[in-house]
Amino acid sequence: MTIVLHRHCRELGYCNRGLREWFSREGLDWAGFLKHGIAADTLRAKNNAMAARAISKAEGELRGQQ
């Protein structure tokens, strides 16, 4: 299972304010995301282009480590 971390979003240039607002609108746990990340499948279900980029970033990192 791929976990998207806060740093993946920051590396893409996403701002915390926008992320917090989006998490709130989508009913996602911001504090949990900061501490533990969020499952890529949870983000994928939101069908959001910016979330898809963060998922790709996290998955690309995993592929690079194998």
PDB file of N, CA and C in Angstrom:
ATOM      1  N   MET A   1       0.843  -1.180   0.000  1.00  0.00           N
ATOM      2  CA  MET A   1       0.000   0.000   0.000  1.00  0.00           C
ATOM      3  C   MET A   1       0.887   1.242   0.000  1.00  0.00           C
ATOM      4  N   THR A   2       0.577   2.149  -0.895  1.00  0.00           N
ATOM      5  CA  THR A   2       1.324   3.400  -0.993  1.00  0.00           C
ATOM      6  C   THR A   2       0.752   4.418  -0.015  1.00  0.00           C
ATOM      7  N   ILE A   3       1.638   5.080   0.702  1.00  0.00           N
ATOM      8  CA  ILE A   3       1.265   6.145   1.626  1.00  0.00           C
ATOM      9  C   ILE A   3       1.807   7.463   1.084  1.00  0.00           C
ATOM     10  N   VAL A   4       0.923   8.419   0.948  1.00  0.00           N
ATOM     11  CA  VAL A   4       1.316   9.762   0.529  1.00  0.00           C
ATOM     12  C   VAL A   4       1.615  10.559   1.799  1.00  0.00           C
ATOM     13  N   LEU A   5       2.809  11.118   1.842  1.00  0.00           N
ATOM     14  CA  LEU A   5       3.248  11.895   2.995  1.00  0.00           C
ATOM     15  C   LEU A   5       3.131  13.394   2.712  1.00  0.00           C
ATOM     16  N   HIS A   6       3.116  14.160   3.791  1.00  0.00           N
ATOM     17  CA  HIS A   6       3.051  15.609   3.675  1.00  0.00           C
ATOM     18  C   HIS A   6       4.193  16.126   2.802  1.00  0.00           C
ATOM     19  N   ARG A   7       5.361  15.572   2.971  1.00  0.00           N
ATOM     20  CA  ARG A   7       6.520  16.061   2.200  1.00  0.00           C
ATOM     21  C   ARG A   7       6.340  15.856   0.704  1.00  0.00           C
ATOM     22  N   HIS A   8       5.616  14.811   0.293  1.00  0.00           N
ATOM     23  CA  HIS A   8       5.355  14.617  -1.139  1.00  0.00           C
ATOM     24  C   HIS A   8       4.593  15.818  -1.692  1.00  0.00           C
ATOM     25  N   CYS A   9       3.613  16.273  -0.949  1.00  0.00           N
ATOM     26  CA  CYS A   9       2.821  17.432  -1.372  1.00  0.00           C
ATOM     27  C   CYS A   9       3.660  18.694  -1.382  1.00  0.00           C
ATOM     28  N   ARG A  10       4.467  18.876  -0.365  1.00  0.00           N
ATOM     29  CA  ARG A  10       5.314  20.061  -0.290  1.00  0.00           C
ATOM     30  C   ARG A  10       6.349  20.074  -1.414  1.00  0.00           C
ATOM     31  N   GLU A  11       6.878  18.906  -1.761  1.00  0.00           N
ATOM     32  CA  GLU A  11       7.843  18.812  -2.855  1.00  0.00           C
ATOM     33  C   GLU A  11       7.207  19.200  -4.191  1.00  0.00           C
ATOM     34  N   LEU A  12       5.895  19.053  -4.301  1.00  0.00           N
ATOM     35  CA  LEU A  12       5.174  19.463  -5.505  1.00  0.00           C
ATOM     36  C   LEU A  12       4.781  20.939  -5.470  1.00  0.00           C
ATOM     37  N   GLY A  13       5.087  21.600  -4.353  1.00  0.00           N
ATOM     38  CA  GLY A  13       4.795  23.020  -4.224  1.00  0.00           C
ATOM     39  C   GLY A  13       3.427  23.334  -3.658  1.00  0.00           C
ATOM     40  N   TYR A  14       2.725  22.341  -3.128  1.00  0.00           N
ATOM     41  CA  TYR A  14       1.408  22.566  -2.534  1.00  0.00           C
ATOM     42  C   TYR A  14       1.564  23.295  -1.205  1.00  0.00           C
ATOM     43  N   CYS A  15       0.736  24.295  -0.986  1.00  0.00           N
ATOM     44  CA  CYS A  15       0.830  25.060   0.257  1.00  0.00           C
ATOM     45  C   CYS A  15      -0.030  24.418   1.346  1.00  0.00           C
ATOM     46  N   ASN A  16       0.416  24.595   2.580  1.00  0.00           N
ATOM     47  CA  ASN A  16      -0.315  24.027   3.718  1.00  0.00           C
ATOM     48  C   ASN A  16      -1.731  24.576   3.822  1.00  0.00           C
ATOM     49  N   ARG A  17      -1.899  25.848   3.585  1.00  0.00           N
ATOM     50  CA  ARG A  17      -3.239  26.437   3.706  1.00  0.00           C
ATOM     51  C   ARG A  17      -4.215  25.758   2.749  1.00  0.00           C
ATOM     52  N   GLY A  18      -3.810  25.629   1.504  1.00  0.00           N
ATOM     53  CA  GLY A  18      -4.670  24.985   0.516  1.00  0.00           C
ATOM     54  C   GLY A  18      -4.918  23.517   0.844  1.00  0.00           C
ATOM     55  N   LEU A  19      -3.876  22.840   1.290  1.00  0.00           N
ATOM     56  CA  LEU A  19      -4.032  21.434   1.673  1.00  0.00           C
ATOM     57  C   LEU A  19      -4.999  21.280   2.834  1.00  0.00           C
ATOM     58  N   ARG A  20      -4.826  22.103   3.865  1.00  0.00           N
ATOM     59  CA  ARG A  20      -5.724  22.041   5.034  1.00  0.00           C
ATOM     60  C   ARG A  20      -7.166  22.277   4.628  1.00  0.00           C
ATOM     61  N   GLU A  21      -7.388  23.280   3.782  1.00  0.00           N
ATOM     62  CA  GLU A  21      -8.752  23.579   3.339  1.00  0.00           C
ATOM     63  C   GLU A  21      -9.338  22.426   2.547  1.00  0.00           C
ATOM     64  N   TRP A  22      -8.545  21.837   1.659  1.00  0.00           N
ATOM     65  CA  TRP A  22      -9.027  20.720   0.853  1.00  0.00           C
ATOM     66  C   TRP A  22      -9.342  19.516   1.747  1.00  0.00           C
ATOM     67  N   PHE A  23      -8.454  19.209   2.683  1.00  0.00           N
ATOM     68  CA  PHE A  23      -8.695  18.099   3.613  1.00  0.00           C
ATOM     69  C   PHE A  23      -9.992  18.328   4.380  1.00  0.00           C
ATOM     70  N   SER A  24     -10.220  19.556   4.820  1.00  0.00           N
ATOM     71  CA  SER A  24     -11.436  19.876   5.564  1.00  0.00           C
ATOM     72  C   SER A  24     -12.676  19.680   4.690  1.00  0.00           C
ATOM     73  N   ARG A  25     -12.640  20.189   3.472  1.00  0.00           N
ATOM     74  CA  ARG A  25     -13.789  20.038   2.556  1.00  0.00           C
ATOM     75  C   ARG A  25     -14.093  18.576   2.261  1.00  0.00           C
ATOM     76  N   GLU A  26     -13.031  17.770   2.175  1.00  0.00           N
ATOM     77  CA  GLU A  26     -13.200  16.356   1.819  1.00  0.00           C
ATOM     78  C   GLU A  26     -13.432  15.464   3.034  1.00  0.00           C
ATOM     79  N   GLY A  27     -13.411  16.042   4.232  1.00  0.00           N
ATOM     80  CA  GLY A  27     -13.624  15.255   5.444  1.00  0.00           C
ATOM     81  C   GLY A  27     -12.453  14.341   5.790  1.00  0.00           C
ATOM     82  N   LEU A  28     -11.245  14.769   5.411  1.00  0.00           N
ATOM     83  CA  LEU A  28     -10.042  13.981   5.682  1.00  0.00           C
ATOM     84  C   LEU A  28      -9.342  14.506   6.935  1.00  0.00           C
ATOM     85  N   ASP A  29      -8.610  13.640   7.590  1.00  0.00           N
ATOM     86  CA  ASP A  29      -7.935  13.945   8.858  1.00  0.00           C
ATOM     87  C   ASP A  29      -6.583  14.613   8.606  1.00  0.00           C
ATOM     88  N   TRP A  30      -6.553  15.940   8.746  1.00  0.00           N
ATOM     89  CA  TRP A  30      -5.323  16.704   8.511  1.00  0.00           C
ATOM     90  C   TRP A  30      -4.218  16.321   9.484  1.00  0.00           C
ATOM     91  N   ALA A  31      -4.534  16.267  10.775  1.00  0.00           N
ATOM     92  CA  ALA A  31      -3.518  15.947  11.787  1.00  0.00           C
ATOM     93  C   ALA A  31      -2.964  14.545  11.559  1.00  0.00           C
ATOM     94  N   GLY A  32      -3.809  13.601  11.233  1.00  0.00           N
ATOM     95  CA  GLY A  32      -3.357  12.239  10.940  1.00  0.00           C
ATOM     96  C   GLY A  32      -2.452  12.199   9.717  1.00  0.00           C
ATOM     97  N   PHE A  33      -2.795  12.992   8.715  1.00  0.00           N
ATOM     98  CA  PHE A  33      -1.973  13.086   7.505  1.00  0.00           C
ATOM     99  C   PHE A  33      -0.583  13.611   7.841  1.00  0.00           C
ATOM    100  N   LEU A  34      -0.525  14.645   8.660  1.00  0.00           N
ATOM    101  CA  LEU A  34       0.776  15.202   9.027  1.00  0.00           C
ATOM    102  C   LEU A  34       1.636  14.180   9.772  1.00  0.00           C
ATOM    103  N   LYS A  35       1.019  13.394  10.634  1.00  0.00           N
ATOM    104  CA  LYS A  35       1.771  12.425  11.444  1.00  0.00           C
ATOM    105  C   LYS A  35       2.106  11.144  10.697  1.00  0.00           C
ATOM    106  N   HIS A  36       1.140  10.637   9.913  1.00  0.00           N
ATOM    107  CA  HIS A  36       1.285   9.287   9.366  1.00  0.00           C
ATOM    108  C   HIS A  36       1.140   9.192   7.857  1.00  0.00           C
ATOM    109  N   GLY A  37       0.737  10.274   7.211  1.00  0.00           N
ATOM    110  CA  GLY A  37       0.442  10.206   5.790  1.00  0.00           C
ATOM    111  C   GLY A  37      -0.979   9.711   5.578  1.00  0.00           C
ATOM    112  N   ILE A  38      -1.305   9.460   4.316  1.00  0.00           N
ATOM    113  CA  ILE A  38      -2.646   8.997   3.963  1.00  0.00           C
ATOM    114  C   ILE A  38      -2.529   7.972   2.851  1.00  0.00           C
ATOM    115  N   ALA A  39      -3.366   6.963   2.887  1.00  0.00           N
ATOM    116  CA  ALA A  39      -3.332   5.911   1.876  1.00  0.00           C
ATOM    117  C   ALA A  39      -3.636   6.498   0.498  1.00  0.00           C
ATOM    118  N   ALA A  40      -2.852   6.104  -0.477  1.00  0.00           N
ATOM    119  CA  ALA A  40      -3.067   6.576  -1.844  1.00  0.00           C
ATOM    120  C   ALA A  40      -4.478   6.250  -2.317  1.00  0.00           C
ATOM    121  N   ASP A  41      -5.005   5.103  -1.933  1.00  0.00           N
ATOM    122  CA  ASP A  41      -6.356   4.714  -2.357  1.00  0.00           C
ATOM    123  C   ASP A  41      -7.408   5.684  -1.821  1.00  0.00           C
ATOM    124  N   THR A  42      -7.190   6.217  -0.631  1.00  0.00           N
ATOM    125  CA  THR A  42      -8.123   7.194  -0.061  1.00  0.00           C
ATOM    126  C   THR A  42      -8.119   8.462  -0.906  1.00  0.00           C
ATOM    127  N   LEU A  43      -6.937   8.919  -1.289  1.00  0.00           N
ATOM    128  CA  LEU A  43      -6.850  10.102  -2.137  1.00  0.00           C
ATOM    129  C   LEU A  43      -7.365   9.818  -3.541  1.00  0.00           C
ATOM    130  N   ARG A  44      -7.032   8.670  -4.075  1.00  0.00           N
ATOM    131  CA  ARG A  44      -7.461   8.304  -5.428  1.00  0.00           C
ATOM    132  C   ARG A  44      -8.986   8.340  -5.548  1.00  0.00           C
ATOM    133  N   ALA A  45      -9.671   7.958  -4.490  1.00  0.00           N
ATOM    134  CA  ALA A  45     -11.140   7.934  -4.495  1.00  0.00           C
ATOM    135  C   ALA A  45     -11.731   9.342  -4.612  1.00  0.00           C
ATOM    136  N   LYS A  46     -10.944  10.365  -4.318  1.00  0.00           N
ATOM    137  CA  LYS A  46     -11.427  11.748  -4.397  1.00  0.00           C
ATOM    138  C   LYS A  46     -11.421  12.265  -5.833  1.00  0.00           C
ATOM    139  N   ASN A  47     -10.776  11.536  -6.740  1.00  0.00           N
ATOM    140  CA  ASN A  47     -10.754  11.887  -8.167  1.00  0.00           C
ATOM    141  C   ASN A  47     -10.347  13.354  -8.372  1.00  0.00           C
ATOM    142  N   ASN A  48      -9.172  13.695  -7.837  1.00  0.00           N
ATOM    143  CA  ASN A  48      -8.663  15.053  -7.861  1.00  0.00           C
ATOM    144  C   ASN A  48      -7.288  15.051  -8.525  1.00  0.00           C
ATOM    145  N   ALA A  49      -7.092  15.945  -9.478  1.00  0.00           N
ATOM    146  CA  ALA A  49      -5.838  15.969 -10.244  1.00  0.00           C
ATOM    147  C   ALA A  49      -4.624  16.253  -9.365  1.00  0.00           C
ATOM    148  N   MET A  50      -4.763  17.150  -8.391  1.00  0.00           N
ATOM    149  CA  MET A  50      -3.626  17.457  -7.524  1.00  0.00           C
ATOM    150  C   MET A  50      -3.302  16.265  -6.619  1.00  0.00           C
ATOM    151  N   ALA A  51      -4.321  15.582  -6.154  1.00  0.00           N
ATOM    152  CA  ALA A  51      -4.101  14.376  -5.350  1.00  0.00           C
ATOM    153  C   ALA A  51      -3.414  13.314  -6.202  1.00  0.00           C
ATOM    154  N   ALA A  52      -3.809  13.208  -7.467  1.00  0.00           N
ATOM    155  CA  ALA A  52      -3.202  12.228  -8.367  1.00  0.00           C
ATOM    156  C   ALA A  52      -1.707  12.500  -8.549  1.00  0.00           C
ATOM    157  N   ARG A  53      -1.332  13.768  -8.603  1.00  0.00           N
ATOM    158  CA  ARG A  53       0.093  14.111  -8.715  1.00  0.00           C
ATOM    159  C   ARG A  53       0.862  13.696  -7.463  1.00  0.00           C
ATOM    160  N   ALA A  54       0.252  13.900  -6.299  1.00  0.00           N
ATOM    161  CA  ALA A  54       0.905  13.501  -5.039  1.00  0.00           C
ATOM    162  C   ALA A  54       1.043  11.985  -4.966  1.00  0.00           C
ATOM    163  N   ILE A  55       0.039  11.264  -5.428  1.00  0.00           N
ATOM    164  CA  ILE A  55       0.099   9.800  -5.461  1.00  0.00           C
ATOM    165  C   ILE A  55       1.228   9.359  -6.388  1.00  0.00           C
ATOM    166  N   SER A  56       1.311   9.968  -7.561  1.00  0.00           N
ATOM    167  CA  SER A  56       2.379   9.628  -8.512  1.00  0.00           C
ATOM    168  C   SER A  56       3.753   9.890  -7.918  1.00  0.00           C
ATOM    169  N   LYS A  57       3.868  10.973  -7.183  1.00  0.00           N
ATOM    170  CA  LYS A  57       5.150  11.307  -6.532  1.00  0.00           C
ATOM    171  C   LYS A  57       5.530  10.217  -5.538  1.00  0.00           C
ATOM    172  N   ALA A  58       4.578   9.809  -4.690  1.00  0.00           N
ATOM    173  CA  ALA A  58       4.843   8.777  -3.689  1.00  0.00           C
ATOM    174  C   ALA A  58       5.143   7.433  -4.348  1.00  0.00           C
ATOM    175  N   GLU A  59       4.380   7.076  -5.365  1.00  0.00           N
ATOM    176  CA  GLU A  59       4.602   5.799  -6.054  1.00  0.00           C
ATOM    177  C   GLU A  59       5.931   5.790  -6.795  1.00  0.00           C
ATOM    178  N   GLY A  60       6.282   6.911  -7.385  1.00  0.00           N
ATOM    179  CA  GLY A  60       7.574   7.022  -8.072  1.00  0.00           C
ATOM    180  C   GLY A  60       8.730   6.843  -7.109  1.00  0.00           C
ATOM    181  N   GLU A  61       8.587   7.393  -5.933  1.00  0.00           N
ATOM    182  CA  GLU A  61       9.625   7.242  -4.908  1.00  0.00           C
ATOM    183  C   GLU A  61       9.783   5.774  -4.522  1.00  0.00           C
ATOM    184  N   LEU A  62       8.657   5.079  -4.367  1.00  0.00           N
ATOM    185  CA  LEU A  62       8.716   3.647  -4.020  1.00  0.00           C
ATOM    186  C   LEU A  62       9.398   2.843  -5.124  1.00  0.00           C
ATOM    187  N   ARG A  63       9.050   3.140  -6.369  1.00  0.00           N
ATOM    188  CA  ARG A  63       9.673   2.418  -7.492  1.00  0.00           C
ATOM    189  C   ARG A  63      11.169   2.659  -7.526  1.00  0.00           C
ATOM    190  N   GLY A  64      11.584   3.865  -7.177  1.00  0.00           N
ATOM    191  CA  GLY A  64      12.995   4.202  -7.169  1.00  0.00           C
ATOM    192  C   GLY A  64      13.775   3.495  -6.074  1.00  0.00           C
ATOM    193  N   GLN A  65      13.093   3.068  -5.007  1.00  0.00           N
ATOM    194  CA  GLN A  65      13.747   2.394  -3.890  1.00  0.00           C
ATOM    195  C   GLN A  65      13.864   0.904  -4.096  1.00  0.00           C
ATOM    196  N   GLN A  66      13.140   0.370  -5.049  1.00  0.00           N
ATOM    197  CA  GLN A  66      13.146  -1.096  -5.239  1.00  0.00           C
ATOM    198  C   GLN A  66      14.345  -1.526  -6.035  1.00  0.00           C
TER     199      GLN A  66
END
